[in-house]
Amino acid sequence: MPYIFVDTGAWYALLDEDDANHHAAVKFKDSLPHPLMTSNYIVDEVLTLARNRLSHKVAVEIGQKLWDESSANLIRVTPQDEKKAWEIFVKYRDKAFSFTDCTSFALMERVGITEVFAFDEHFKQYGNFIVLPLG
């Protein structure tokens, strides 16, 4: 069964009603054709953003859903993914990829995920993936 990988910005847009992408994120999530997957590195970023920008309560609520996998399947970044991520990070010095972005690229390539729910340009810049929602 194909999965759609969910990036930090998409999770955050779902949480924050004031986020510019909130309505697009909710509409897209409600119409998803495939189950969601995310990584432990993404969970780290989501928890930190939610805690710093929204509240501890919101961070705990989303964290519980992510850790118990009721919102998405959780896949862990492996040491091999980290090594590949480092290679990507070093290679693309002209891009503003975070190391977490690079771990997502490596993980998605490893498990064969081609679609990503994201709002930043990094997945488009890297190539290899279909960034959703389209438009």
N, C-alpha and C. Protein backbone atom coordinates (compact mmCIF):
# COMPACT_ATOMS: atom_id res chain seq x y z
N MET A 1 0.85 -1.18 0.00
CA MET A 1 0.00 0.00 0.00
C MET A 1 0.89 1.24 0.00
N PRO A 2 0.66 2.17 -0.91
CA PRO A 2 1.48 3.39 -0.94
C PRO A 2 1.14 4.32 0.22
N TYR A 3 2.16 5.03 0.66
CA TYR A 3 2.00 6.01 1.74
C TYR A 3 2.30 7.40 1.21
N ILE A 4 1.80 8.39 1.93
CA ILE A 4 2.16 9.78 1.71
C ILE A 4 2.96 10.21 2.93
N PHE A 5 4.19 10.65 2.68
CA PHE A 5 5.04 11.13 3.77
C PHE A 5 4.58 12.53 4.17
N VAL A 6 4.54 12.82 5.46
CA VAL A 6 4.11 14.13 5.94
C VAL A 6 5.29 14.87 6.55
N ASP A 7 5.55 16.05 6.01
CA ASP A 7 6.64 16.90 6.47
C ASP A 7 6.17 17.78 7.62
N THR A 8 7.11 18.36 8.32
CA THR A 8 6.84 19.21 9.48
C THR A 8 5.85 20.33 9.19
N GLY A 9 6.06 21.04 8.08
CA GLY A 9 5.20 22.17 7.75
C GLY A 9 3.75 21.79 7.56
N ALA A 10 3.51 20.61 7.03
CA ALA A 10 2.12 20.15 6.84
C ALA A 10 1.48 19.84 8.19
N TRP A 11 2.22 19.14 9.08
CA TRP A 11 1.68 18.88 10.41
C TRP A 11 1.37 20.19 11.13
N TYR A 12 2.30 21.13 11.02
CA TYR A 12 2.09 22.41 11.71
C TYR A 12 0.89 23.16 11.13
N ALA A 13 0.76 23.16 9.82
CA ALA A 13 -0.39 23.83 9.19
C ALA A 13 -1.71 23.22 9.65
N LEU A 14 -1.73 21.92 9.88
CA LEU A 14 -2.94 21.28 10.38
C LEU A 14 -3.27 21.74 11.80
N LEU A 15 -2.25 22.03 12.59
CA LEU A 15 -2.44 22.41 13.99
C LEU A 15 -2.82 23.86 14.19
N ASP A 16 -2.22 24.75 13.41
CA ASP A 16 -2.34 26.19 13.65
C ASP A 16 -3.35 26.83 12.71
N GLU A 17 -4.49 27.19 13.25
CA GLU A 17 -5.55 27.79 12.44
C GLU A 17 -5.13 29.11 11.81
N ASP A 18 -4.11 29.75 12.35
CA ASP A 18 -3.62 31.01 11.81
C ASP A 18 -2.54 30.82 10.75
N ASP A 19 -2.10 29.59 10.54
CA ASP A 19 -1.08 29.32 9.53
C ASP A 19 -1.67 29.56 8.14
N ALA A 20 -0.88 30.16 7.27
CA ALA A 20 -1.35 30.49 5.91
C ALA A 20 -1.80 29.27 5.13
N ASN A 21 -1.29 28.09 5.47
CA ASN A 21 -1.65 26.86 4.76
C ASN A 21 -2.67 25.99 5.49
N HIS A 22 -3.23 26.51 6.58
CA HIS A 22 -4.13 25.69 7.40
C HIS A 22 -5.31 25.14 6.61
N HIS A 23 -6.03 25.99 5.92
CA HIS A 23 -7.24 25.51 5.21
C HIS A 23 -6.89 24.53 4.11
N ALA A 24 -5.82 24.79 3.37
CA ALA A 24 -5.39 23.86 2.31
C ALA A 24 -4.97 22.52 2.93
N ALA A 25 -4.30 22.58 4.07
CA ALA A 25 -3.84 21.35 4.72
C ALA A 25 -5.02 20.50 5.19
N VAL A 26 -5.99 21.13 5.83
CA VAL A 26 -7.16 20.40 6.33
C VAL A 26 -7.94 19.81 5.17
N LYS A 27 -8.18 20.60 4.14
CA LYS A 27 -8.91 20.12 2.97
C LYS A 27 -8.20 18.93 2.33
N PHE A 28 -6.88 19.05 2.18
CA PHE A 28 -6.12 17.97 1.57
C PHE A 28 -6.15 16.71 2.43
N LYS A 29 -5.91 16.85 3.73
CA LYS A 29 -5.88 15.69 4.63
C LYS A 29 -7.22 14.97 4.62
N ASP A 30 -8.31 15.73 4.54
CA ASP A 30 -9.64 15.12 4.55
C ASP A 30 -9.94 14.35 3.26
N SER A 31 -9.14 14.57 2.22
CA SER A 31 -9.40 13.90 0.94
C SER A 31 -8.29 12.91 0.55
N LEU A 32 -7.45 12.56 1.49
CA LEU A 32 -6.28 11.74 1.17
C LEU A 32 -6.63 10.35 0.65
N PRO A 33 -5.96 9.96 -0.44
CA PRO A 33 -6.20 8.64 -1.01
C PRO A 33 -5.36 7.53 -0.37
N HIS A 34 -4.29 7.90 0.34
CA HIS A 34 -3.37 6.92 0.90
C HIS A 34 -3.12 7.21 2.38
N PRO A 35 -2.70 6.21 3.14
CA PRO A 35 -2.36 6.45 4.55
C PRO A 35 -1.10 7.32 4.67
N LEU A 36 -0.96 7.92 5.83
CA LEU A 36 0.15 8.84 6.09
C LEU A 36 1.30 8.13 6.80
N MET A 37 2.50 8.65 6.56
CA MET A 37 3.70 8.18 7.25
C MET A 37 4.54 9.40 7.57
N THR A 38 5.22 9.34 8.70
CA THR A 38 6.15 10.40 9.08
C THR A 38 7.31 9.77 9.81
N SER A 39 8.32 10.58 10.13
CA SER A 39 9.51 10.03 10.79
C SER A 39 9.67 10.57 12.20
N ASN A 40 10.51 9.91 12.96
CA ASN A 40 10.80 10.38 14.31
C ASN A 40 11.49 11.74 14.29
N TYR A 41 12.26 12.05 13.24
CA TYR A 41 12.88 13.38 13.13
C TYR A 41 11.80 14.45 12.90
N ILE A 42 10.80 14.12 12.11
CA ILE A 42 9.69 15.06 11.87
C ILE A 42 8.91 15.27 13.16
N VAL A 43 8.66 14.21 13.90
CA VAL A 43 7.96 14.34 15.18
C VAL A 43 8.72 15.30 16.09
N ASP A 44 10.03 15.16 16.14
CA ASP A 44 10.85 16.07 16.95
C ASP A 44 10.59 17.52 16.55
N GLU A 45 10.63 17.80 15.26
CA GLU A 45 10.41 19.18 14.80
C GLU A 45 8.99 19.66 15.11
N VAL A 46 8.00 18.81 14.88
CA VAL A 46 6.60 19.19 15.13
C VAL A 46 6.38 19.51 16.60
N LEU A 47 6.90 18.66 17.48
CA LEU A 47 6.74 18.91 18.92
C LEU A 47 7.38 20.22 19.34
N THR A 48 8.56 20.48 18.82
CA THR A 48 9.27 21.71 19.16
C THR A 48 8.53 22.93 18.65
N LEU A 49 8.08 22.88 17.38
CA LEU A 49 7.32 24.02 16.83
C LEU A 49 6.02 24.25 17.59
N ALA A 50 5.28 23.18 17.82
CA ALA A 50 4.00 23.31 18.52
C ALA A 50 4.21 23.87 19.92
N ARG A 51 5.23 23.40 20.60
CA ARG A 51 5.52 23.88 21.96
C ARG A 51 5.89 25.35 21.96
N ASN A 52 6.74 25.75 21.01
CA ASN A 52 7.23 27.12 20.99
C ASN A 52 6.24 28.12 20.43
N ARG A 53 5.43 27.70 19.47
CA ARG A 53 4.52 28.64 18.81
C ARG A 53 3.08 28.56 19.29
N LEU A 54 2.66 27.42 19.81
CA LEU A 54 1.27 27.25 20.22
C LEU A 54 1.18 27.08 21.73
N SER A 55 1.40 25.87 22.21
CA SER A 55 1.41 25.64 23.66
C SER A 55 1.92 24.24 23.96
N HIS A 56 2.27 24.04 25.21
CA HIS A 56 2.68 22.71 25.65
C HIS A 56 1.54 21.73 25.45
N LYS A 57 0.33 22.15 25.77
CA LYS A 57 -0.85 21.28 25.64
C LYS A 57 -1.02 20.80 24.20
N VAL A 58 -0.92 21.70 23.25
CA VAL A 58 -1.06 21.32 21.83
C VAL A 58 0.07 20.37 21.43
N ALA A 59 1.28 20.64 21.90
CA ALA A 59 2.41 19.77 21.59
C ALA A 59 2.19 18.37 22.13
N VAL A 60 1.69 18.27 23.35
CA VAL A 60 1.43 16.96 23.95
C VAL A 60 0.32 16.24 23.18
N GLU A 61 -0.72 16.96 22.79
CA GLU A 61 -1.83 16.33 22.06
C GLU A 61 -1.37 15.76 20.72
N ILE A 62 -0.64 16.55 19.94
CA ILE A 62 -0.17 16.04 18.64
C ILE A 62 0.90 14.97 18.86
N GLY A 63 1.74 15.17 19.86
CA GLY A 63 2.77 14.17 20.16
C GLY A 63 2.18 12.82 20.48
N GLN A 64 1.12 12.81 21.27
CA GLN A 64 0.47 11.54 21.63
C GLN A 64 -0.06 10.84 20.38
N LYS A 65 -0.68 11.61 19.48
CA LYS A 65 -1.22 11.02 18.24
C LYS A 65 -0.12 10.50 17.32
N LEU A 66 1.01 11.18 17.31
CA LEU A 66 2.12 10.74 16.46
C LEU A 66 2.84 9.54 17.07
N TRP A 67 3.10 9.58 18.38
CA TRP A 67 3.81 8.46 19.01
C TRP A 67 2.97 7.20 19.04
N ASP A 68 1.64 7.33 19.21
CA ASP A 68 0.83 6.10 19.22
C ASP A 68 0.35 5.71 17.82
N GLU A 69 0.78 6.48 16.83
CA GLU A 69 0.53 6.21 15.41
C GLU A 69 -0.96 6.23 15.03
N SER A 70 -1.74 7.03 15.76
CA SER A 70 -3.14 7.17 15.39
C SER A 70 -3.35 8.20 14.27
N SER A 71 -2.36 9.07 14.05
CA SER A 71 -2.44 10.06 12.97
C SER A 71 -1.66 9.65 11.74
N ALA A 72 -0.63 8.84 11.93
CA ALA A 72 0.23 8.41 10.82
C ALA A 72 1.09 7.25 11.29
N ASN A 73 1.55 6.47 10.34
CA ASN A 73 2.54 5.45 10.66
C ASN A 73 3.86 6.15 10.92
N LEU A 74 4.55 5.72 11.94
CA LEU A 74 5.82 6.33 12.32
C LEU A 74 6.96 5.40 11.92
N ILE A 75 7.89 5.94 11.16
CA ILE A 75 9.05 5.16 10.75
C ILE A 75 10.29 5.87 11.27
N ARG A 76 11.20 5.09 11.77
CA ARG A 76 12.41 5.66 12.36
C ARG A 76 13.52 5.80 11.34
N VAL A 77 14.21 6.91 11.44
CA VAL A 77 15.39 7.16 10.62
C VAL A 77 16.48 6.21 11.12
N THR A 78 17.10 5.47 10.20
CA THR A 78 18.14 4.52 10.56
C THR A 78 19.52 5.18 10.48
N PRO A 79 20.53 4.53 11.04
CA PRO A 79 21.89 5.05 10.86
C PRO A 79 22.28 5.17 9.38
N GLN A 80 21.81 4.25 8.55
CA GLN A 80 22.09 4.33 7.11
C GLN A 80 21.39 5.54 6.49
N ASP A 81 20.17 5.83 6.94
CA ASP A 81 19.48 7.04 6.47
C ASP A 81 20.26 8.28 6.87
N GLU A 82 20.76 8.29 8.09
CA GLU A 82 21.55 9.44 8.55
C GLU A 82 22.80 9.62 7.71
N LYS A 83 23.46 8.54 7.37
CA LYS A 83 24.66 8.62 6.54
C LYS A 83 24.31 9.18 5.17
N LYS A 84 23.23 8.66 4.56
CA LYS A 84 22.79 9.16 3.25
C LYS A 84 22.37 10.63 3.37
N ALA A 85 21.68 10.97 4.45
CA ALA A 85 21.25 12.36 4.68
C ALA A 85 22.46 13.29 4.75
N TRP A 86 23.51 12.84 5.41
CA TRP A 86 24.72 13.66 5.50
C TRP A 86 25.31 13.89 4.12
N GLU A 87 25.33 12.84 3.30
CA GLU A 87 25.84 12.97 1.92
C GLU A 87 25.01 13.98 1.13
N ILE A 88 23.70 13.93 1.29
CA ILE A 88 22.81 14.88 0.60
C ILE A 88 23.07 16.29 1.12
N PHE A 89 23.16 16.42 2.43
CA PHE A 89 23.39 17.73 3.06
C PHE A 89 24.67 18.36 2.54
N VAL A 90 25.73 17.59 2.44
CA VAL A 90 27.02 18.09 1.97
C VAL A 90 26.94 18.43 0.49
N LYS A 91 26.30 17.60 -0.30
CA LYS A 91 26.25 17.77 -1.76
C LYS A 91 25.49 19.03 -2.18
N TYR A 92 24.37 19.32 -1.53
CA TYR A 92 23.49 20.41 -1.96
C TYR A 92 23.76 21.68 -1.18
N ARG A 93 24.97 22.19 -1.27
CA ARG A 93 25.33 23.39 -0.52
C ARG A 93 24.59 24.63 -1.00
N ASP A 94 24.04 24.57 -2.22
CA ASP A 94 23.31 25.70 -2.78
C ASP A 94 21.84 25.72 -2.36
N LYS A 95 21.40 24.73 -1.60
CA LYS A 95 20.01 24.65 -1.14
C LYS A 95 19.96 24.88 0.37
N ALA A 96 18.81 25.30 0.85
CA ALA A 96 18.63 25.54 2.28
C ALA A 96 18.00 24.34 2.98
N PHE A 97 18.38 23.13 2.55
CA PHE A 97 17.85 21.93 3.17
C PHE A 97 18.33 21.83 4.62
N SER A 98 17.40 21.55 5.52
CA SER A 98 17.81 21.24 6.88
C SER A 98 18.30 19.79 6.90
N PHE A 99 18.99 19.42 7.95
CA PHE A 99 19.41 18.02 8.04
C PHE A 99 18.18 17.12 8.14
N THR A 100 17.14 17.58 8.81
CA THR A 100 15.91 16.79 8.88
C THR A 100 15.31 16.59 7.50
N ASP A 101 15.32 17.63 6.65
CA ASP A 101 14.88 17.46 5.26
C ASP A 101 15.65 16.31 4.61
N CYS A 102 16.95 16.34 4.79
CA CYS A 102 17.80 15.33 4.16
C CYS A 102 17.50 13.93 4.69
N THR A 103 17.19 13.81 6.00
CA THR A 103 16.81 12.49 6.51
C THR A 103 15.50 12.03 5.89
N SER A 104 14.59 12.98 5.66
CA SER A 104 13.32 12.62 5.01
C SER A 104 13.56 12.12 3.58
N PHE A 105 14.42 12.81 2.84
CA PHE A 105 14.73 12.38 1.48
C PHE A 105 15.30 10.96 1.49
N ALA A 106 16.27 10.72 2.37
CA ALA A 106 16.93 9.42 2.44
C ALA A 106 15.94 8.32 2.83
N LEU A 107 15.14 8.58 3.84
CA LEU A 107 14.16 7.61 4.31
C LEU A 107 13.14 7.30 3.21
N MET A 108 12.63 8.34 2.56
CA MET A 108 11.62 8.13 1.51
C MET A 108 12.20 7.31 0.36
N GLU A 109 13.44 7.59 0.00
CA GLU A 109 14.07 6.80 -1.05
C GLU A 109 14.25 5.35 -0.61
N ARG A 110 14.63 5.14 0.63
CA ARG A 110 14.84 3.78 1.14
C ARG A 110 13.57 2.95 1.11
N VAL A 111 12.46 3.53 1.55
CA VAL A 111 11.22 2.75 1.64
C VAL A 111 10.33 2.87 0.40
N GLY A 112 10.74 3.71 -0.56
CA GLY A 112 10.02 3.80 -1.82
C GLY A 112 8.79 4.69 -1.80
N ILE A 113 8.77 5.68 -0.93
CA ILE A 113 7.66 6.63 -0.90
C ILE A 113 7.95 7.73 -1.92
N THR A 114 6.97 8.02 -2.77
CA THR A 114 7.18 9.03 -3.82
C THR A 114 6.35 10.28 -3.62
N GLU A 115 5.37 10.25 -2.71
CA GLU A 115 4.50 11.41 -2.49
C GLU A 115 4.73 11.99 -1.09
N VAL A 116 4.74 13.32 -1.04
CA VAL A 116 4.96 14.00 0.22
C VAL A 116 3.95 15.13 0.39
N PHE A 117 3.40 15.24 1.58
CA PHE A 117 2.49 16.30 1.98
C PHE A 117 3.36 17.37 2.62
N ALA A 118 3.59 18.45 1.87
CA ALA A 118 4.52 19.49 2.33
C ALA A 118 4.16 20.82 1.70
N PHE A 119 4.62 21.89 2.34
CA PHE A 119 4.35 23.22 1.81
C PHE A 119 5.61 24.01 1.47
N ASP A 120 6.78 23.52 1.86
CA ASP A 120 7.99 24.24 1.49
C ASP A 120 8.52 23.72 0.15
N GLU A 121 9.50 24.39 -0.37
CA GLU A 121 10.04 24.07 -1.70
C GLU A 121 11.11 22.99 -1.68
N HIS A 122 11.53 22.55 -0.53
CA HIS A 122 12.69 21.67 -0.45
C HIS A 122 12.50 20.33 -1.16
N PHE A 123 11.34 19.73 -1.05
CA PHE A 123 11.12 18.45 -1.71
C PHE A 123 11.07 18.62 -3.23
N LYS A 124 10.53 19.75 -3.68
CA LYS A 124 10.53 20.05 -5.12
C LYS A 124 11.95 20.29 -5.61
N GLN A 125 12.73 21.03 -4.83
CA GLN A 125 14.11 21.33 -5.22
C GLN A 125 14.96 20.06 -5.30
N TYR A 126 14.74 19.16 -4.36
CA TYR A 126 15.52 17.92 -4.37
C TYR A 126 15.12 17.04 -5.56
N GLY A 127 13.84 17.10 -5.95
CA GLY A 127 13.35 16.28 -7.05
C GLY A 127 12.94 14.92 -6.50
N ASN A 128 12.66 13.98 -7.39
CA ASN A 128 12.35 12.59 -7.03
C ASN A 128 11.00 12.39 -6.37
N PHE A 129 10.30 13.45 -5.97
CA PHE A 129 9.06 13.29 -5.22
C PHE A 129 7.93 14.12 -5.81
N ILE A 130 6.71 13.66 -5.59
CA ILE A 130 5.52 14.41 -5.96
C ILE A 130 5.06 15.14 -4.69
N VAL A 131 5.06 16.47 -4.75
CA VAL A 131 4.69 17.27 -3.59
C VAL A 131 3.20 17.58 -3.66
N LEU A 132 2.50 17.25 -2.57
CA LEU A 132 1.07 17.46 -2.48
C LEU A 132 0.77 18.40 -1.32
N PRO A 133 -0.29 19.16 -1.30
CA PRO A 133 -1.27 19.21 -2.37
C PRO A 133 -0.74 19.96 -3.59
N LEU A 134 -1.19 19.55 -4.73
CA LEU A 134 -0.78 20.21 -5.97
C LEU A 134 -1.42 21.57 -6.05
N GLY A 135 -0.76 22.47 -6.72
CA GLY A 135 -1.37 23.78 -6.90
C GLY A 135 -0.55 24.82 -6.33
